[in-house]
N, C-alpha and C. Protein backbone atom coordinates (compact mmCIF):
# COMPACT_ATOMS: atom_id res chain seq x y z
N MET A 1 37.82 92.91 -10.81
CA MET A 1 39.08 93.58 -11.07
C MET A 1 38.80 95.04 -11.43
N ASP A 2 39.42 95.96 -10.73
CA ASP A 2 39.25 97.38 -10.98
C ASP A 2 39.98 97.79 -12.26
N LYS A 3 39.38 98.76 -12.95
CA LYS A 3 40.01 99.24 -14.18
C LYS A 3 41.32 99.97 -13.91
N GLY A 4 41.48 100.50 -12.75
CA GLY A 4 42.70 101.23 -12.41
C GLY A 4 43.81 100.38 -11.82
N SER A 5 43.52 99.12 -11.53
CA SER A 5 44.53 98.27 -10.89
C SER A 5 45.65 97.89 -11.87
N LYS A 6 46.81 97.57 -11.31
CA LYS A 6 47.96 97.20 -12.14
C LYS A 6 47.70 95.91 -12.89
N LYS A 7 47.03 94.97 -12.23
CA LYS A 7 46.74 93.69 -12.87
C LYS A 7 45.84 93.89 -14.09
N TYR A 8 44.85 94.75 -13.96
CA TYR A 8 43.94 95.04 -15.07
C TYR A 8 44.70 95.69 -16.22
N GLN A 9 45.52 96.67 -15.91
CA GLN A 9 46.30 97.35 -16.95
C GLN A 9 47.26 96.39 -17.65
N LYS A 10 47.85 95.46 -16.88
CA LYS A 10 48.76 94.47 -17.44
C LYS A 10 48.01 93.55 -18.42
N GLU A 11 46.83 93.10 -18.00
CA GLU A 11 46.01 92.24 -18.86
C GLU A 11 45.55 92.99 -20.10
N GLU A 12 45.20 94.24 -19.93
CA GLU A 12 44.76 95.07 -21.06
C GLU A 12 45.89 95.23 -22.08
N ALA A 13 47.10 95.46 -21.61
CA ALA A 13 48.25 95.58 -22.51
C ALA A 13 48.52 94.26 -23.22
N LYS A 14 48.35 93.15 -22.50
CA LYS A 14 48.55 91.83 -23.08
C LYS A 14 47.54 91.57 -24.21
N VAL A 15 46.28 91.94 -23.96
CA VAL A 15 45.23 91.77 -24.97
C VAL A 15 45.52 92.64 -26.19
N LYS A 16 45.97 93.87 -25.97
CA LYS A 16 46.30 94.76 -27.08
C LYS A 16 47.43 94.20 -27.93
N ASP A 17 48.46 93.65 -27.27
CA ASP A 17 49.58 93.06 -28.00
C ASP A 17 49.13 91.85 -28.82
N MET A 18 48.31 91.00 -28.22
CA MET A 18 47.79 89.83 -28.94
C MET A 18 46.92 90.25 -30.12
N SER A 19 46.11 91.27 -29.91
CA SER A 19 45.24 91.76 -30.98
C SER A 19 46.08 92.33 -32.13
N ARG A 20 47.12 93.05 -31.81
CA ARG A 20 48.00 93.63 -32.83
C ARG A 20 48.69 92.51 -33.62
N GLU A 21 49.14 91.48 -32.92
CA GLU A 21 49.78 90.34 -33.58
C GLU A 21 48.79 89.60 -34.49
N LEU A 22 47.57 89.44 -34.02
CA LEU A 22 46.55 88.78 -34.82
C LEU A 22 46.22 89.59 -36.07
N GLN A 23 46.12 90.90 -35.93
CA GLN A 23 45.82 91.75 -37.08
C GLN A 23 46.94 91.69 -38.12
N SER A 24 48.19 91.62 -37.68
CA SER A 24 49.30 91.53 -38.64
C SER A 24 49.27 90.19 -39.36
N THR A 25 48.88 89.13 -38.67
CA THR A 25 48.74 87.82 -39.31
C THR A 25 47.62 87.85 -40.33
N LYS A 26 46.50 88.47 -39.97
CA LYS A 26 45.37 88.57 -40.90
C LYS A 26 45.73 89.39 -42.13
N LEU A 27 46.52 90.44 -41.95
CA LEU A 27 46.92 91.29 -43.07
C LEU A 27 47.77 90.49 -44.06
N GLY A 28 48.70 89.71 -43.56
CA GLY A 28 49.51 88.86 -44.43
C GLY A 28 48.67 87.84 -45.17
N SER A 29 47.70 87.27 -44.47
CA SER A 29 46.80 86.29 -45.07
C SER A 29 45.98 86.92 -46.18
N MET A 30 45.43 88.09 -45.92
CA MET A 30 44.61 88.76 -46.93
C MET A 30 45.45 89.11 -48.16
N PHE A 31 46.66 89.57 -47.95
CA PHE A 31 47.52 89.92 -49.08
C PHE A 31 47.87 88.69 -49.91
N ALA A 32 48.21 87.58 -49.23
CA ALA A 32 48.55 86.34 -49.95
C ALA A 32 47.36 85.82 -50.74
N MET A 33 46.18 85.84 -50.13
CA MET A 33 44.98 85.35 -50.83
C MET A 33 44.64 86.26 -52.01
N MET A 34 44.81 87.56 -51.84
CA MET A 34 44.54 88.48 -52.93
C MET A 34 45.49 88.19 -54.10
N LEU A 35 46.74 87.94 -53.80
CA LEU A 35 47.72 87.64 -54.85
C LEU A 35 47.39 86.33 -55.56
N VAL A 36 47.06 85.28 -54.79
CA VAL A 36 46.74 83.97 -55.38
C VAL A 36 45.50 84.05 -56.25
N PHE A 37 44.42 84.59 -55.71
CA PHE A 37 43.18 84.65 -56.47
C PHE A 37 43.26 85.63 -57.64
N GLY A 38 44.00 86.72 -57.49
CA GLY A 38 44.19 87.65 -58.61
C GLY A 38 44.93 87.00 -59.77
N THR A 39 45.94 86.22 -59.46
CA THR A 39 46.69 85.51 -60.50
C THR A 39 45.80 84.48 -61.20
N ILE A 40 45.02 83.76 -60.42
CA ILE A 40 44.13 82.75 -61.00
C ILE A 40 43.10 83.40 -61.92
N VAL A 41 42.45 84.45 -61.46
CA VAL A 41 41.39 85.06 -62.27
C VAL A 41 41.95 85.69 -63.54
N SER A 42 43.10 86.32 -63.49
CA SER A 42 43.64 86.93 -64.71
C SER A 42 44.07 85.88 -65.72
N THR A 43 44.65 84.79 -65.25
CA THR A 43 45.09 83.73 -66.16
C THR A 43 43.92 83.01 -66.81
N VAL A 44 42.98 82.59 -65.99
CA VAL A 44 41.86 81.80 -66.50
C VAL A 44 40.89 82.67 -67.31
N SER A 45 40.70 83.92 -66.93
CA SER A 45 39.79 84.77 -67.70
C SER A 45 40.34 85.06 -69.10
N SER A 46 41.66 85.11 -69.24
CA SER A 46 42.21 85.31 -70.59
C SER A 46 42.02 84.06 -71.45
N ILE A 47 41.99 82.89 -70.82
CA ILE A 47 41.77 81.64 -71.57
C ILE A 47 40.32 81.55 -72.04
N TYR A 48 39.36 81.90 -71.19
CA TYR A 48 37.94 81.75 -71.50
C TYR A 48 37.27 83.06 -71.92
N GLU A 49 38.02 84.02 -72.37
CA GLU A 49 37.47 85.32 -72.74
C GLU A 49 36.44 85.19 -73.87
N GLY A 50 35.21 85.66 -73.63
CA GLY A 50 34.15 85.66 -74.62
C GLY A 50 33.46 84.32 -74.81
N GLN A 51 33.85 83.29 -74.08
CA GLN A 51 33.25 81.97 -74.23
C GLN A 51 32.30 81.67 -73.08
N SER A 52 31.25 80.93 -73.39
CA SER A 52 30.34 80.46 -72.36
C SER A 52 30.94 79.20 -71.75
N VAL A 53 31.11 79.18 -70.43
CA VAL A 53 31.72 78.02 -69.78
C VAL A 53 30.69 77.11 -69.15
N ALA A 54 29.44 77.56 -69.01
CA ALA A 54 28.40 76.73 -68.42
C ALA A 54 27.04 77.21 -68.92
N GLU A 55 26.07 76.32 -68.81
CA GLU A 55 24.70 76.68 -69.12
C GLU A 55 23.87 76.45 -67.86
N LEU A 56 23.27 77.53 -67.40
CA LEU A 56 22.49 77.45 -66.17
C LEU A 56 21.14 76.78 -66.44
N PRO A 57 20.60 76.06 -65.47
CA PRO A 57 19.30 75.41 -65.66
C PRO A 57 18.12 76.38 -65.50
N PHE A 58 18.42 77.65 -65.33
CA PHE A 58 17.39 78.68 -65.15
C PHE A 58 17.91 79.98 -65.75
N GLU A 59 17.00 80.93 -65.94
CA GLU A 59 17.42 82.25 -66.40
C GLU A 59 17.56 83.15 -65.18
N PRO A 60 18.76 83.65 -64.93
CA PRO A 60 18.97 84.46 -63.71
C PRO A 60 18.21 85.78 -63.77
N ILE A 61 17.90 86.32 -62.57
CA ILE A 61 17.23 87.62 -62.51
C ILE A 61 18.19 88.69 -63.03
N TRP A 62 17.69 89.87 -63.33
CA TRP A 62 18.44 90.90 -64.02
C TRP A 62 19.75 91.25 -63.34
N PHE A 63 19.76 91.30 -62.01
CA PHE A 63 20.99 91.69 -61.30
C PHE A 63 22.08 90.65 -61.48
N PHE A 64 21.76 89.39 -61.32
CA PHE A 64 22.74 88.32 -61.45
C PHE A 64 23.05 88.02 -62.91
N LYS A 65 22.14 88.38 -63.80
CA LYS A 65 22.37 88.13 -65.22
C LYS A 65 23.57 88.93 -65.73
N SER A 66 23.75 90.13 -65.20
CA SER A 66 24.89 90.94 -65.63
C SER A 66 26.21 90.30 -65.22
N PHE A 67 26.25 89.64 -64.04
CA PHE A 67 27.44 88.91 -63.62
C PHE A 67 27.60 87.61 -64.40
N ALA A 68 26.50 86.91 -64.56
CA ALA A 68 26.54 85.59 -65.20
C ALA A 68 26.96 85.68 -66.66
N GLN A 69 26.64 86.78 -67.33
CA GLN A 69 26.94 86.88 -68.76
C GLN A 69 27.98 87.95 -69.09
N ARG A 70 28.74 88.36 -68.11
CA ARG A 70 29.76 89.39 -68.33
C ARG A 70 30.82 88.92 -69.32
N GLY A 71 31.03 89.70 -70.35
CA GLY A 71 32.07 89.42 -71.33
C GLY A 71 31.67 88.46 -72.44
N LEU A 72 30.45 87.95 -72.42
CA LEU A 72 30.00 87.03 -73.47
C LEU A 72 29.48 87.81 -74.67
N ILE A 73 29.73 87.28 -75.85
CA ILE A 73 29.26 87.90 -77.08
C ILE A 73 27.99 87.18 -77.52
N ASN A 74 26.88 87.90 -77.63
CA ASN A 74 25.56 87.37 -78.00
C ASN A 74 25.19 86.12 -77.18
N PRO A 75 25.07 86.28 -75.87
CA PRO A 75 24.77 85.10 -75.03
C PRO A 75 23.30 84.70 -75.10
N LYS A 76 23.06 83.40 -74.91
CA LYS A 76 21.69 82.91 -74.72
C LYS A 76 21.28 83.28 -73.29
N PRO A 77 20.00 83.28 -73.00
CA PRO A 77 19.56 83.69 -71.65
C PRO A 77 20.11 82.83 -70.51
N THR A 78 20.50 81.60 -70.81
CA THR A 78 21.00 80.72 -69.73
C THR A 78 22.51 80.52 -69.77
N ASP A 79 23.23 81.23 -70.63
CA ASP A 79 24.69 81.09 -70.69
C ASP A 79 25.35 81.71 -69.46
N CYS A 80 26.52 81.19 -69.15
CA CYS A 80 27.24 81.64 -67.95
C CYS A 80 28.71 81.85 -68.30
N SER A 81 29.26 82.97 -67.88
CA SER A 81 30.66 83.28 -68.15
C SER A 81 31.56 82.75 -67.04
N PHE A 82 32.85 82.82 -67.28
CA PHE A 82 33.83 82.35 -66.30
C PHE A 82 33.75 83.14 -65.00
N ILE A 83 33.58 84.45 -65.07
CA ILE A 83 33.66 85.28 -63.87
C ILE A 83 32.57 84.93 -62.86
N PHE A 84 31.40 84.53 -63.34
CA PHE A 84 30.32 84.14 -62.44
C PHE A 84 30.69 82.86 -61.70
N ILE A 85 31.22 81.89 -62.42
CA ILE A 85 31.66 80.64 -61.80
C ILE A 85 32.80 80.93 -60.82
N TYR A 86 33.67 81.83 -61.18
CA TYR A 86 34.80 82.20 -60.31
C TYR A 86 34.30 82.81 -59.01
N ILE A 87 33.35 83.72 -59.10
CA ILE A 87 32.82 84.37 -57.90
C ILE A 87 32.18 83.35 -56.97
N LEU A 88 31.39 82.45 -57.52
CA LEU A 88 30.74 81.43 -56.70
C LEU A 88 31.76 80.49 -56.06
N SER A 89 32.75 80.07 -56.83
CA SER A 89 33.75 79.14 -56.28
C SER A 89 34.65 79.83 -55.26
N THR A 90 34.96 81.08 -55.46
CA THR A 90 35.79 81.81 -54.50
C THR A 90 35.09 81.92 -53.15
N MET A 91 33.79 82.19 -53.19
CA MET A 91 33.05 82.28 -51.93
C MET A 91 33.03 80.95 -51.19
N SER A 92 33.08 79.84 -51.92
CA SER A 92 32.98 78.54 -51.26
C SER A 92 34.33 77.95 -50.85
N VAL A 93 35.44 78.33 -51.51
CA VAL A 93 36.72 77.69 -51.21
C VAL A 93 37.75 78.60 -50.55
N ARG A 94 37.45 79.84 -50.32
CA ARG A 94 38.44 80.76 -49.74
C ARG A 94 38.91 80.31 -48.36
N GLN A 95 37.99 80.00 -47.47
CA GLN A 95 38.39 79.62 -46.12
C GLN A 95 39.15 78.29 -46.07
N PRO A 96 38.73 77.24 -46.79
CA PRO A 96 39.53 76.02 -46.77
C PRO A 96 40.95 76.22 -47.32
N ILE A 97 41.10 77.06 -48.33
CA ILE A 97 42.43 77.31 -48.88
C ILE A 97 43.28 78.07 -47.87
N GLN A 98 42.69 79.01 -47.14
CA GLN A 98 43.44 79.72 -46.11
C GLN A 98 43.92 78.75 -45.03
N LYS A 99 43.07 77.81 -44.65
CA LYS A 99 43.47 76.82 -43.65
C LYS A 99 44.57 75.92 -44.20
N LEU A 100 44.44 75.52 -45.46
CA LEU A 100 45.42 74.64 -46.08
C LEU A 100 46.79 75.30 -46.14
N LEU A 101 46.83 76.59 -46.49
CA LEU A 101 48.09 77.30 -46.59
C LEU A 101 48.61 77.78 -45.23
N GLY A 102 47.81 77.61 -44.19
CA GLY A 102 48.25 77.99 -42.85
C GLY A 102 48.08 79.45 -42.53
N PHE A 103 47.23 80.16 -43.27
CA PHE A 103 47.03 81.58 -43.03
C PHE A 103 45.84 81.87 -42.13
N ALA A 104 44.97 80.90 -41.94
CA ALA A 104 43.78 81.13 -41.13
C ALA A 104 44.15 81.11 -39.65
N PRO A 105 43.67 82.08 -38.89
CA PRO A 105 43.96 82.07 -37.45
C PRO A 105 43.17 80.96 -36.77
N SER A 106 43.64 80.55 -35.61
CA SER A 106 42.94 79.52 -34.86
C SER A 106 41.59 80.04 -34.39
N ARG A 107 40.72 79.15 -33.96
CA ARG A 107 39.40 79.56 -33.48
C ARG A 107 39.53 80.43 -32.23
N ALA A 108 40.46 80.08 -31.36
CA ALA A 108 40.65 80.85 -30.14
C ALA A 108 41.10 82.27 -30.47
N ALA A 109 41.99 82.40 -31.43
CA ALA A 109 42.48 83.72 -31.82
C ALA A 109 41.36 84.53 -32.47
N SER A 110 40.53 83.88 -33.26
CA SER A 110 39.40 84.58 -33.88
C SER A 110 38.42 85.08 -32.84
N LYS A 111 38.16 84.24 -31.84
CA LYS A 111 37.25 84.65 -30.77
C LYS A 111 37.83 85.83 -30.00
N LEU A 112 39.14 85.79 -29.76
CA LEU A 112 39.79 86.89 -29.05
C LEU A 112 39.69 88.17 -29.87
N SER A 113 39.90 88.06 -31.16
CA SER A 113 39.82 89.22 -32.04
C SER A 113 38.41 89.78 -32.06
N ASN A 114 37.42 88.92 -32.18
CA ASN A 114 36.03 89.39 -32.22
C ASN A 114 35.61 89.99 -30.89
N ALA A 115 36.08 89.45 -29.79
CA ALA A 115 35.73 90.00 -28.48
C ALA A 115 36.36 91.37 -28.29
N GLY A 116 37.55 91.57 -28.83
CA GLY A 116 38.22 92.86 -28.72
C GLY A 116 37.58 93.95 -29.55
N MET A 117 36.81 93.56 -30.57
CA MET A 117 36.19 94.53 -31.46
C MET A 117 34.82 94.98 -30.96
N GLN A 118 34.27 94.31 -29.96
CA GLN A 118 32.95 94.67 -29.45
C GLN A 118 33.05 95.85 -28.51
N PRO A 119 31.97 96.64 -28.42
CA PRO A 119 31.96 97.75 -27.48
C PRO A 119 32.08 97.25 -26.04
N ALA A 120 32.55 98.11 -25.18
CA ALA A 120 32.77 97.73 -23.79
C ALA A 120 31.49 97.25 -23.12
N SER A 121 30.34 97.77 -23.51
CA SER A 121 29.10 97.39 -22.86
C SER A 121 28.77 95.91 -23.08
N PHE A 122 29.25 95.32 -24.18
CA PHE A 122 28.99 93.91 -24.42
C PHE A 122 29.99 93.00 -23.72
N THR A 123 31.20 93.48 -23.50
CA THR A 123 32.21 92.65 -22.87
C THR A 123 32.18 92.77 -21.35
N ASP A 124 31.53 93.79 -20.84
CA ASP A 124 31.43 93.97 -19.40
C ASP A 124 30.32 93.08 -18.86
N ALA A 125 30.64 92.18 -17.96
CA ALA A 125 29.66 91.21 -17.45
C ALA A 125 28.52 91.89 -16.69
N LYS A 126 28.77 93.05 -16.14
CA LYS A 126 27.73 93.73 -15.37
C LYS A 126 26.60 94.25 -16.25
N ASN A 127 26.87 94.52 -17.53
CA ASN A 127 25.87 95.10 -18.41
C ASN A 127 25.32 94.12 -19.44
N THR A 128 25.43 92.84 -19.19
CA THR A 128 24.92 91.87 -20.15
C THR A 128 23.43 91.66 -19.94
N TYR A 129 22.78 91.10 -20.95
CA TYR A 129 21.35 90.83 -20.89
C TYR A 129 21.07 89.84 -19.78
N GLY A 130 20.09 90.10 -18.99
CA GLY A 130 19.73 89.20 -17.90
C GLY A 130 20.39 89.54 -16.58
N SER A 131 21.29 90.50 -16.57
CA SER A 131 21.96 90.84 -15.31
C SER A 131 21.15 91.84 -14.50
N GLY A 132 20.15 92.45 -15.12
CA GLY A 132 19.32 93.42 -14.42
C GLY A 132 19.87 94.83 -14.50
N ALA A 133 21.05 95.01 -15.13
CA ALA A 133 21.66 96.34 -15.21
C ALA A 133 21.40 96.96 -16.57
N TYR A 134 20.12 97.20 -16.89
CA TYR A 134 19.80 97.83 -18.18
C TYR A 134 18.69 98.77 -18.03
């Protein structure tokens, strides 16, 4: 298909429209998740302020120790604050919650979005690895 043909331009416009629609869906999802998780962290952090909520079976390295003991008063080396547990749990449950609430895009839409974000040299079949055009 030639880049100048009407069919190509029609398909290109269709892809742009789909990409724009997908981005607006993702924006709404990100805003909703930010609101939900922000509410949770502010409420629960006020409940557990200054208290150790867990004891780690190891002493974290210096970088993680600052997160693990944030807001604790005179912590032991293995004490853990709420915010550290929150960060770990957020990383593990964000995507399932998005799917549960219906904000996560389908796999096909995600693939379409990721393909649209790649440079033209990767999406053009003539310039792919193994085609000899490099």
